[in-house]
């Protein structure tokens, strides 16, 4: 990554992401061969906003609550790969598998069975990955 990407706010955002996910985010932020030069800018800006601005705002919603809300949003939108990350964050920050399943009950009621089942398939994979929790 370039030196301009390693600004202090970005470093703090990367540290927040690592704390939430339980692993460093940098490996997936590196542009792949063939990506345009501004891909690094996109990744930096998205990381800064998400992990530098939104997640640290724990004065009203704590991290655990934000994690469950984020699971619900990703599942409802049907963004399955981001859902995988949100599920990891939730499990790493005190949300139980039972609470996640209850969120899926609610998602099914409001977003529909097809969306809930499709997203829940990812949750099952992450539960298995986390040791069958």
N, C-alpha and C. Protein backbone atom coordinates (compact mmCIF):
# COMPACT_ATOMS: atom_id res chain seq x y z
N UNK A 1 0.84 -1.19 0.00
CA UNK A 1 0.00 0.00 0.00
C UNK A 1 0.88 1.24 0.00
N UNK A 2 0.35 2.30 -0.52
CA UNK A 2 1.12 3.52 -0.60
C UNK A 2 1.16 4.23 0.74
N UNK A 3 2.12 5.14 0.88
CA UNK A 3 2.25 5.91 2.13
C UNK A 3 1.02 6.75 2.40
N UNK A 4 0.36 7.27 1.35
CA UNK A 4 -0.82 8.09 1.56
C UNK A 4 -1.95 7.29 2.16
N UNK A 5 -1.96 5.99 1.95
CA UNK A 5 -3.00 5.14 2.51
C UNK A 5 -2.76 4.92 4.00
N UNK A 6 -1.52 5.03 4.45
CA UNK A 6 -1.17 4.74 5.83
C UNK A 6 -1.29 5.96 6.74
N UNK A 7 -2.30 6.78 6.53
CA UNK A 7 -2.54 7.91 7.41
C UNK A 7 -3.05 7.42 8.76
N UNK A 8 -2.88 8.22 9.82
CA UNK A 8 -3.25 7.76 11.17
C UNK A 8 -4.71 7.32 11.30
N UNK A 9 -5.65 8.03 10.71
CA UNK A 9 -7.06 7.63 10.79
C UNK A 9 -7.31 6.29 10.14
N UNK A 10 -6.59 6.03 9.07
CA UNK A 10 -6.72 4.75 8.38
C UNK A 10 -6.16 3.63 9.24
N UNK A 11 -5.03 3.88 9.87
CA UNK A 11 -4.44 2.88 10.77
C UNK A 11 -5.40 2.55 11.90
N UNK A 12 -6.04 3.57 12.46
CA UNK A 12 -7.00 3.34 13.55
C UNK A 12 -8.20 2.54 13.04
N UNK A 13 -8.66 2.83 11.83
CA UNK A 13 -9.78 2.08 11.24
C UNK A 13 -9.39 0.62 11.03
N UNK A 14 -8.17 0.39 10.56
CA UNK A 14 -7.69 -0.99 10.37
C UNK A 14 -7.60 -1.72 11.71
N UNK A 15 -7.17 -1.02 12.74
CA UNK A 15 -7.09 -1.63 14.07
C UNK A 15 -8.49 -1.96 14.59
N UNK A 16 -9.45 -1.08 14.37
CA UNK A 16 -10.83 -1.34 14.78
C UNK A 16 -11.37 -2.56 14.04
N UNK A 17 -11.14 -2.63 12.74
CA UNK A 17 -11.59 -3.78 11.95
C UNK A 17 -10.98 -5.08 12.48
N UNK A 18 -9.69 -5.05 12.79
CA UNK A 18 -9.02 -6.24 13.30
C UNK A 18 -9.60 -6.67 14.65
N UNK A 19 -9.88 -5.69 15.51
CA UNK A 19 -10.47 -6.00 16.81
C UNK A 19 -11.86 -6.63 16.64
N UNK A 20 -12.65 -6.07 15.74
CA UNK A 20 -14.01 -6.57 15.53
C UNK A 20 -14.03 -7.95 14.88
N UNK A 21 -13.19 -8.12 13.86
CA UNK A 21 -13.19 -9.36 13.07
C UNK A 21 -12.35 -10.47 13.70
N UNK A 22 -11.40 -10.09 14.53
CA UNK A 22 -10.49 -11.10 15.07
C UNK A 22 -9.39 -11.47 14.10
N UNK A 23 -9.23 -10.68 13.06
CA UNK A 23 -8.16 -10.88 12.07
C UNK A 23 -7.95 -9.58 11.32
N UNK A 24 -6.78 -9.43 10.74
CA UNK A 24 -6.44 -8.21 10.01
C UNK A 24 -7.20 -8.17 8.69
N UNK A 25 -7.55 -6.97 8.28
CA UNK A 25 -8.31 -6.73 7.05
C UNK A 25 -7.40 -6.48 5.85
N UNK A 26 -6.15 -6.11 6.10
CA UNK A 26 -5.25 -5.71 5.02
C UNK A 26 -5.16 -6.71 3.87
N UNK A 27 -5.11 -8.02 4.12
CA UNK A 27 -4.97 -8.94 2.98
C UNK A 27 -6.08 -8.82 1.93
N UNK A 28 -7.28 -8.48 2.34
CA UNK A 28 -8.35 -8.36 1.34
C UNK A 28 -8.47 -6.95 0.77
N UNK A 29 -7.70 -6.01 1.31
CA UNK A 29 -7.75 -4.64 0.82
C UNK A 29 -6.71 -4.36 -0.27
N UNK A 30 -5.76 -5.23 -0.44
CA UNK A 30 -4.74 -5.04 -1.47
C UNK A 30 -5.37 -5.18 -2.84
N UNK A 31 -5.15 -4.21 -3.73
CA UNK A 31 -5.70 -4.32 -5.09
C UNK A 31 -5.12 -5.53 -5.81
N UNK A 32 -5.94 -6.20 -6.57
CA UNK A 32 -5.51 -7.33 -7.38
C UNK A 32 -4.90 -6.83 -8.68
N UNK A 33 -4.07 -7.65 -9.32
CA UNK A 33 -3.53 -7.26 -10.62
C UNK A 33 -4.68 -6.97 -11.59
N UNK A 34 -4.53 -5.92 -12.33
CA UNK A 34 -5.56 -5.54 -13.29
C UNK A 34 -6.57 -4.53 -12.77
N UNK A 35 -6.58 -4.30 -11.45
CA UNK A 35 -7.50 -3.29 -10.92
C UNK A 35 -6.93 -1.91 -11.22
N UNK A 36 -7.79 -0.93 -11.43
CA UNK A 36 -7.29 0.42 -11.67
C UNK A 36 -6.64 1.01 -10.42
N UNK A 37 -5.84 2.02 -10.61
CA UNK A 37 -5.09 2.64 -9.51
C UNK A 37 -6.00 3.18 -8.41
N UNK A 38 -7.18 3.64 -8.77
CA UNK A 38 -8.06 4.23 -7.76
C UNK A 38 -8.81 3.17 -6.93
N UNK A 39 -8.57 1.89 -7.17
CA UNK A 39 -9.17 0.84 -6.35
C UNK A 39 -8.70 0.97 -4.90
N UNK A 40 -7.44 1.31 -4.72
CA UNK A 40 -6.91 1.50 -3.36
C UNK A 40 -7.62 2.66 -2.67
N UNK A 41 -7.95 3.71 -3.42
CA UNK A 41 -8.68 4.84 -2.84
C UNK A 41 -10.06 4.41 -2.37
N UNK A 42 -10.75 3.63 -3.21
CA UNK A 42 -12.07 3.13 -2.82
C UNK A 42 -11.98 2.32 -1.52
N UNK A 43 -11.04 1.38 -1.47
CA UNK A 43 -10.89 0.53 -0.29
C UNK A 43 -10.56 1.35 0.95
N UNK A 44 -9.69 2.33 0.80
CA UNK A 44 -9.31 3.20 1.93
C UNK A 44 -10.52 3.99 2.42
N UNK A 45 -11.24 4.61 1.50
CA UNK A 45 -12.40 5.42 1.89
C UNK A 45 -13.49 4.59 2.55
N UNK A 46 -13.77 3.42 1.98
CA UNK A 46 -14.79 2.55 2.57
C UNK A 46 -14.36 2.08 3.96
N UNK A 47 -13.09 1.75 4.12
CA UNK A 47 -12.57 1.31 5.42
C UNK A 47 -12.62 2.45 6.43
N UNK A 48 -12.19 3.63 6.01
CA UNK A 48 -12.23 4.80 6.91
C UNK A 48 -13.65 5.08 7.39
N UNK A 49 -14.60 5.09 6.48
CA UNK A 49 -15.97 5.42 6.85
C UNK A 49 -16.58 4.33 7.75
N UNK A 50 -16.41 3.09 7.34
CA UNK A 50 -17.04 2.00 8.08
C UNK A 50 -16.39 1.77 9.44
N UNK A 51 -15.07 1.55 9.44
CA UNK A 51 -14.39 1.16 10.68
C UNK A 51 -13.77 2.34 11.42
N UNK A 52 -13.69 3.50 10.76
CA UNK A 52 -13.15 4.69 11.41
C UNK A 52 -14.22 5.62 11.92
N UNK A 53 -15.37 5.65 11.23
CA UNK A 53 -16.44 6.57 11.61
C UNK A 53 -17.64 5.88 12.27
N UNK A 54 -18.17 4.83 11.64
CA UNK A 54 -19.42 4.24 12.12
C UNK A 54 -19.24 3.30 13.32
N UNK A 55 -18.36 2.30 13.21
CA UNK A 55 -18.24 1.31 14.28
C UNK A 55 -17.78 1.90 15.62
N UNK A 56 -16.88 2.88 15.66
CA UNK A 56 -16.46 3.40 16.97
C UNK A 56 -17.52 4.21 17.73
N UNK A 57 -18.65 4.49 17.11
CA UNK A 57 -19.70 5.30 17.75
C UNK A 57 -20.48 4.44 18.76
N UNK A 58 -19.86 4.14 19.87
CA UNK A 58 -20.47 3.24 20.85
C UNK A 58 -21.13 3.96 22.02
N UNK A 59 -21.27 5.28 21.92
CA UNK A 59 -21.89 6.01 23.04
C UNK A 59 -23.39 5.76 23.14
N UNK A 60 -24.07 5.45 22.03
CA UNK A 60 -25.50 5.18 22.06
C UNK A 60 -25.79 3.71 21.78
N UNK A 61 -25.20 3.18 20.72
CA UNK A 61 -25.32 1.75 20.41
C UNK A 61 -23.98 1.09 20.67
N UNK A 62 -23.96 0.09 21.53
CA UNK A 62 -22.70 -0.60 21.80
C UNK A 62 -22.32 -1.49 20.61
N UNK A 63 -21.10 -1.99 20.64
CA UNK A 63 -20.57 -2.79 19.54
C UNK A 63 -21.42 -4.04 19.31
N UNK A 64 -21.83 -4.68 20.36
CA UNK A 64 -22.64 -5.90 20.25
C UNK A 64 -23.95 -5.62 19.51
N UNK A 65 -24.63 -4.54 19.86
CA UNK A 65 -25.88 -4.16 19.20
C UNK A 65 -25.63 -3.80 17.75
N UNK A 66 -24.59 -3.01 17.50
CA UNK A 66 -24.25 -2.66 16.11
C UNK A 66 -23.98 -3.91 15.28
N UNK A 67 -23.33 -4.90 15.89
CA UNK A 67 -23.02 -6.13 15.17
C UNK A 67 -24.30 -6.86 14.76
N UNK A 68 -25.26 -6.97 15.66
CA UNK A 68 -26.52 -7.64 15.33
C UNK A 68 -27.31 -6.85 14.29
N UNK A 69 -27.32 -5.54 14.41
CA UNK A 69 -27.97 -4.69 13.41
C UNK A 69 -27.31 -4.89 12.04
N UNK A 70 -25.99 -4.96 12.04
CA UNK A 70 -25.26 -5.13 10.77
C UNK A 70 -25.54 -6.48 10.12
N UNK A 71 -25.66 -7.53 10.92
CA UNK A 71 -26.05 -8.84 10.39
C UNK A 71 -27.42 -8.72 9.73
N UNK A 72 -28.34 -8.09 10.41
CA UNK A 72 -29.70 -7.96 9.89
C UNK A 72 -29.74 -7.16 8.59
N UNK A 73 -28.98 -6.08 8.53
CA UNK A 73 -28.93 -5.27 7.31
C UNK A 73 -28.36 -6.08 6.14
N UNK A 74 -27.22 -6.72 6.36
CA UNK A 74 -26.58 -7.48 5.28
C UNK A 74 -27.48 -8.62 4.81
N UNK A 75 -28.13 -9.31 5.75
CA UNK A 75 -29.02 -10.41 5.37
C UNK A 75 -30.22 -9.90 4.59
N UNK A 76 -30.80 -8.80 5.04
CA UNK A 76 -31.97 -8.25 4.38
C UNK A 76 -31.63 -7.76 2.97
N UNK A 77 -30.45 -7.17 2.81
CA UNK A 77 -30.02 -6.72 1.49
C UNK A 77 -29.59 -7.88 0.59
N UNK A 78 -29.31 -9.02 1.20
CA UNK A 78 -28.86 -10.17 0.43
C UNK A 78 -27.42 -10.06 -0.03
N UNK A 79 -26.62 -9.28 0.70
CA UNK A 79 -25.20 -9.14 0.38
C UNK A 79 -24.46 -10.24 1.14
N UNK A 80 -24.34 -11.39 0.49
CA UNK A 80 -23.91 -12.59 1.20
C UNK A 80 -22.46 -12.58 1.66
N UNK A 81 -21.55 -12.07 0.86
CA UNK A 81 -20.15 -12.05 1.33
C UNK A 81 -19.96 -11.04 2.47
N UNK A 82 -20.52 -9.82 2.36
CA UNK A 82 -20.46 -8.94 3.53
C UNK A 82 -21.17 -9.53 4.75
N UNK A 83 -22.24 -10.28 4.53
CA UNK A 83 -22.93 -10.93 5.65
C UNK A 83 -21.99 -11.85 6.39
N UNK A 84 -21.16 -12.58 5.66
CA UNK A 84 -20.20 -13.49 6.27
C UNK A 84 -19.30 -12.71 7.26
N UNK A 85 -18.81 -11.56 6.85
CA UNK A 85 -17.98 -10.73 7.73
C UNK A 85 -18.77 -10.20 8.91
N UNK A 86 -20.01 -9.78 8.68
CA UNK A 86 -20.83 -9.25 9.77
C UNK A 86 -21.15 -10.33 10.79
N UNK A 87 -21.37 -11.55 10.32
CA UNK A 87 -21.60 -12.66 11.25
C UNK A 87 -20.36 -12.93 12.10
N UNK A 88 -19.20 -12.88 11.49
CA UNK A 88 -17.95 -13.07 12.24
C UNK A 88 -17.79 -11.98 13.29
N UNK A 89 -18.06 -10.73 12.89
CA UNK A 89 -17.98 -9.62 13.84
C UNK A 89 -18.96 -9.85 14.99
N UNK A 90 -20.19 -10.24 14.67
CA UNK A 90 -21.19 -10.46 15.72
C UNK A 90 -20.73 -11.53 16.70
N UNK A 91 -20.29 -12.67 16.19
CA UNK A 91 -19.85 -13.75 17.06
C UNK A 91 -18.62 -13.37 17.88
N UNK A 92 -17.73 -12.57 17.29
CA UNK A 92 -16.53 -12.12 17.99
C UNK A 92 -16.82 -11.06 19.05
N UNK A 93 -18.03 -10.52 19.04
CA UNK A 93 -18.35 -9.42 19.95
C UNK A 93 -19.57 -9.70 20.82
N UNK A 94 -19.76 -10.98 21.14
CA UNK A 94 -20.73 -11.34 22.16
C UNK A 94 -22.13 -11.67 21.70
N UNK A 95 -22.43 -11.60 20.42
CA UNK A 95 -23.75 -12.00 19.95
C UNK A 95 -23.76 -13.52 19.86
N UNK A 96 -24.78 -14.14 20.41
CA UNK A 96 -24.83 -15.60 20.43
C UNK A 96 -25.46 -16.12 19.14
N UNK A 97 -25.14 -17.36 18.79
CA UNK A 97 -25.80 -17.97 17.63
C UNK A 97 -27.33 -17.97 17.77
N UNK A 98 -27.82 -18.17 18.99
CA UNK A 98 -29.27 -18.16 19.21
C UNK A 98 -29.87 -16.79 18.89
N UNK A 99 -29.18 -15.73 19.26
CA UNK A 99 -29.66 -14.38 18.95
C UNK A 99 -29.64 -14.14 17.44
N UNK A 100 -28.62 -14.65 16.78
CA UNK A 100 -28.55 -14.51 15.32
C UNK A 100 -29.71 -15.25 14.67
N UNK A 101 -30.01 -16.46 15.14
CA UNK A 101 -31.14 -17.21 14.59
C UNK A 101 -32.43 -16.43 14.82
N UNK A 102 -32.60 -15.84 15.99
CA UNK A 102 -33.81 -15.03 16.24
C UNK A 102 -33.90 -13.85 15.28
N UNK A 103 -32.75 -13.25 14.97
CA UNK A 103 -32.75 -12.18 13.97
C UNK A 103 -33.25 -12.70 12.63
N UNK A 104 -32.85 -13.92 12.28
CA UNK A 104 -33.31 -14.50 11.02
C UNK A 104 -34.80 -14.81 11.04
N UNK A 105 -35.35 -15.16 12.19
CA UNK A 105 -36.80 -15.32 12.32
C UNK A 105 -37.48 -14.00 11.97
N UNK A 106 -36.94 -12.92 12.48
CA UNK A 106 -37.51 -11.60 12.24
C UNK A 106 -37.29 -11.17 10.78
N UNK A 107 -36.12 -11.47 10.24
CA UNK A 107 -35.84 -11.16 8.84
C UNK A 107 -36.83 -11.88 7.94
N UNK A 108 -37.10 -13.15 8.26
CA UNK A 108 -38.06 -13.92 7.46
C UNK A 108 -39.43 -13.25 7.48
N UNK A 109 -39.84 -12.77 8.64
CA UNK A 109 -41.16 -12.15 8.76
C UNK A 109 -41.27 -10.85 7.96
N UNK A 110 -40.18 -10.08 7.90
CA UNK A 110 -40.25 -8.76 7.28
C UNK A 110 -39.61 -8.66 5.90
N UNK A 111 -38.61 -9.52 5.61
CA UNK A 111 -37.94 -9.45 4.31
C UNK A 111 -38.28 -10.64 3.42
N UNK A 112 -38.90 -11.66 4.00
CA UNK A 112 -39.32 -12.81 3.21
C UNK A 112 -38.48 -14.04 3.43
N UNK A 113 -39.12 -15.18 3.22
CA UNK A 113 -38.48 -16.47 3.46
C UNK A 113 -37.31 -16.71 2.53
N UNK A 114 -37.45 -16.37 1.26
CA UNK A 114 -36.36 -16.64 0.31
C UNK A 114 -35.09 -15.90 0.72
N UNK A 115 -35.21 -14.63 1.04
CA UNK A 115 -34.05 -13.84 1.46
C UNK A 115 -33.47 -14.39 2.75
N UNK A 116 -34.32 -14.72 3.71
CA UNK A 116 -33.85 -15.24 4.99
C UNK A 116 -33.15 -16.58 4.82
N UNK A 117 -33.72 -17.49 4.05
CA UNK A 117 -33.10 -18.80 3.87
C UNK A 117 -31.77 -18.68 3.13
N UNK A 118 -31.71 -17.86 2.11
CA UNK A 118 -30.48 -17.67 1.36
C UNK A 118 -29.38 -17.12 2.27
N UNK A 119 -29.71 -16.13 3.06
CA UNK A 119 -28.74 -15.54 3.99
C UNK A 119 -28.40 -16.48 5.12
N UNK A 120 -29.39 -17.22 5.60
CA UNK A 120 -29.13 -18.12 6.72
C UNK A 120 -28.16 -19.24 6.34
N UNK A 121 -28.13 -19.60 5.08
CA UNK A 121 -27.16 -20.59 4.60
C UNK A 121 -25.75 -20.12 4.93
N UNK A 122 -25.48 -18.84 4.75
CA UNK A 122 -24.17 -18.27 5.09
C UNK A 122 -23.96 -18.33 6.60
N UNK A 123 -24.99 -18.04 7.37
CA UNK A 123 -24.87 -18.10 8.83
C UNK A 123 -24.49 -19.51 9.29
N UNK A 124 -25.10 -20.51 8.69
CA UNK A 124 -24.77 -21.90 9.05
C UNK A 124 -23.29 -22.19 8.79
N UNK A 125 -22.78 -21.70 7.66
CA UNK A 125 -21.36 -21.90 7.34
C UNK A 125 -20.46 -21.22 8.36
N UNK A 126 -20.83 -20.00 8.76
CA UNK A 126 -20.02 -19.26 9.73
C UNK A 126 -20.12 -19.92 11.11
N UNK A 127 -21.29 -20.44 11.48
CA UNK A 127 -21.40 -21.17 12.74
C UNK A 127 -20.45 -22.37 12.74
N UNK A 128 -20.43 -23.10 11.64
CA UNK A 128 -19.53 -24.26 11.55
C UNK A 128 -18.08 -23.82 11.63
N UNK A 129 -17.75 -22.74 10.91
CA UNK A 129 -16.39 -22.19 10.91
C UNK A 129 -15.98 -21.80 12.34
N UNK A 130 -16.92 -21.28 13.11
CA UNK A 130 -16.63 -20.81 14.46
C UNK A 130 -16.59 -21.96 15.46
N UNK A 131 -16.68 -23.17 15.00
CA UNK A 131 -16.57 -24.32 15.89
C UNK A 131 -17.89 -24.95 16.27
N UNK A 132 -18.89 -24.78 15.41
CA UNK A 132 -20.18 -25.42 15.68
C UNK A 132 -20.97 -24.75 16.77
N UNK A 133 -20.66 -23.48 17.02
CA UNK A 133 -21.36 -22.75 18.08
C UNK A 133 -22.86 -22.75 17.85
